[in-house]
Amino acid sequence: MPKNLTVLTDHDLSWQETALCAQTGAEFFFPEPGSSTRDAKRLCAACEGRVACLEYALTHDERFGVWGGLSEQERSELRLRRAGR
């Protein structure tokens, strides 16, 4: 596991309070199939909670939407890399 990523417990969700996604609509991070995720990823890149959000999504197997700046496919690929495949 990369040094800058840590596994979060269910109790450590404080990142959600200041997350930039909380200030936008859900449709921004859960676009229709085939739609661009570019804008959501741009917002994630500027968010202080990005790493915690990504770890939350990986830990809880979030399968839809943009979490921590990664799409469903990108998170799936990251899971495989972490598993050594």
Protein backbone atom coordinates (compact mmCIF):
# COMPACT_ATOMS: atom_id res chain seq x y z
CA MET A 1 0.00 0.00 0.00
CA PRO A 2 1.39 3.45 -0.84
CA LYS A 3 2.65 5.32 2.23
CA ASN A 4 0.29 8.27 1.75
CA LEU A 5 -2.87 6.11 1.78
CA THR A 6 -4.29 4.78 5.01
CA VAL A 7 -7.23 2.54 5.79
CA LEU A 8 -10.00 4.44 7.55
CA THR A 9 -12.40 3.12 10.12
CA ASP A 10 -16.13 3.79 9.86
CA HIS A 11 -15.71 6.30 12.68
CA ASP A 12 -13.26 8.49 10.74
CA LEU A 13 -15.63 10.20 8.33
CA SER A 14 -14.76 13.78 9.25
CA TRP A 15 -13.50 14.35 5.70
CA GLN A 16 -17.12 14.32 4.55
CA GLU A 17 -17.85 17.53 6.45
CA THR A 18 -15.50 19.61 4.32
CA ALA A 19 -15.61 17.59 1.10
CA LEU A 20 -16.18 19.72 -1.98
CA CYS A 21 -18.65 17.16 -3.32
CA ALA A 22 -20.98 18.00 -0.43
CA GLN A 23 -21.35 21.43 -2.01
CA THR A 24 -22.43 20.13 -5.43
CA GLY A 25 -25.16 17.88 -6.73
CA ALA A 26 -24.82 14.10 -6.66
CA GLU A 27 -25.37 13.91 -10.43
CA PHE A 28 -22.00 15.62 -10.83
CA PHE A 29 -20.25 12.59 -9.28
CA PHE A 30 -22.67 9.96 -10.57
CA PRO A 31 -22.97 10.87 -14.26
CA GLU A 32 -25.03 8.95 -16.76
CA PRO A 33 -23.18 6.04 -18.41
CA GLY A 34 -20.92 7.33 -21.16
CA SER A 35 -20.85 10.88 -19.74
CA SER A 36 -17.61 12.62 -18.87
CA THR A 37 -16.20 12.45 -15.35
CA ARG A 38 -13.64 15.17 -16.10
CA ASP A 39 -15.33 17.95 -14.10
CA ALA A 40 -15.92 15.73 -11.07
CA LYS A 41 -12.28 14.62 -11.12
CA ARG A 42 -11.14 18.23 -11.38
CA LEU A 43 -13.15 19.11 -8.27
CA CYS A 44 -11.78 16.05 -6.45
CA ALA A 45 -8.23 17.10 -7.25
CA ALA A 46 -8.80 20.34 -5.34
CA CYS A 47 -10.44 18.65 -2.34
CA GLU A 48 -8.60 18.18 0.96
CA GLY A 49 -10.54 14.96 1.60
CA ARG A 50 -9.63 13.27 -1.68
CA VAL A 51 -7.34 10.59 -0.21
CA ALA A 52 -9.75 9.77 2.63
CA CYS A 53 -12.63 9.64 0.15
CA LEU A 54 -10.75 7.26 -2.12
CA GLU A 55 -9.85 5.00 0.79
CA TYR A 56 -13.46 5.03 1.94
CA ALA A 57 -14.62 3.98 -1.53
CA LEU A 58 -12.05 1.20 -1.74
CA THR A 59 -12.77 -0.06 1.77
CA HIS A 60 -16.53 -0.05 1.21
CA ASP A 61 -16.36 -1.36 -2.36
CA GLU A 62 -18.19 1.62 -3.84
CA ARG A 63 -18.90 0.54 -7.40
CA PHE A 64 -20.55 3.62 -8.86
CA GLY A 65 -19.55 7.22 -9.34
CA VAL A 66 -16.38 9.22 -8.88
CA TRP A 67 -14.78 8.81 -5.45
CA GLY A 68 -11.45 10.35 -4.49
CA GLY A 69 -10.91 11.45 -8.06
CA LEU A 70 -11.20 7.98 -9.59
CA SER A 71 -13.93 6.44 -11.70
CA GLU A 72 -15.36 2.97 -11.17
CA GLN A 73 -12.91 1.49 -13.67
CA GLU A 74 -9.92 3.30 -12.19
CA ARG A 75 -10.78 2.10 -8.68
CA SER A 76 -11.13 -1.43 -9.98
CA GLU A 77 -7.69 -1.23 -11.57
CA LEU A 78 -6.24 0.18 -8.35
CA ARG A 79 -7.72 -2.71 -6.37
CA LEU A 80 -6.07 -5.18 -8.75
CA ARG A 81 -2.70 -3.40 -8.51
CA ARG A 82 -2.90 -3.43 -4.73
CA ALA A 83 -3.67 -7.13 -4.80
CA GLY A 84 -0.52 -7.67 -6.86
CA ARG A 85 -2.23 -8.77 -10.05
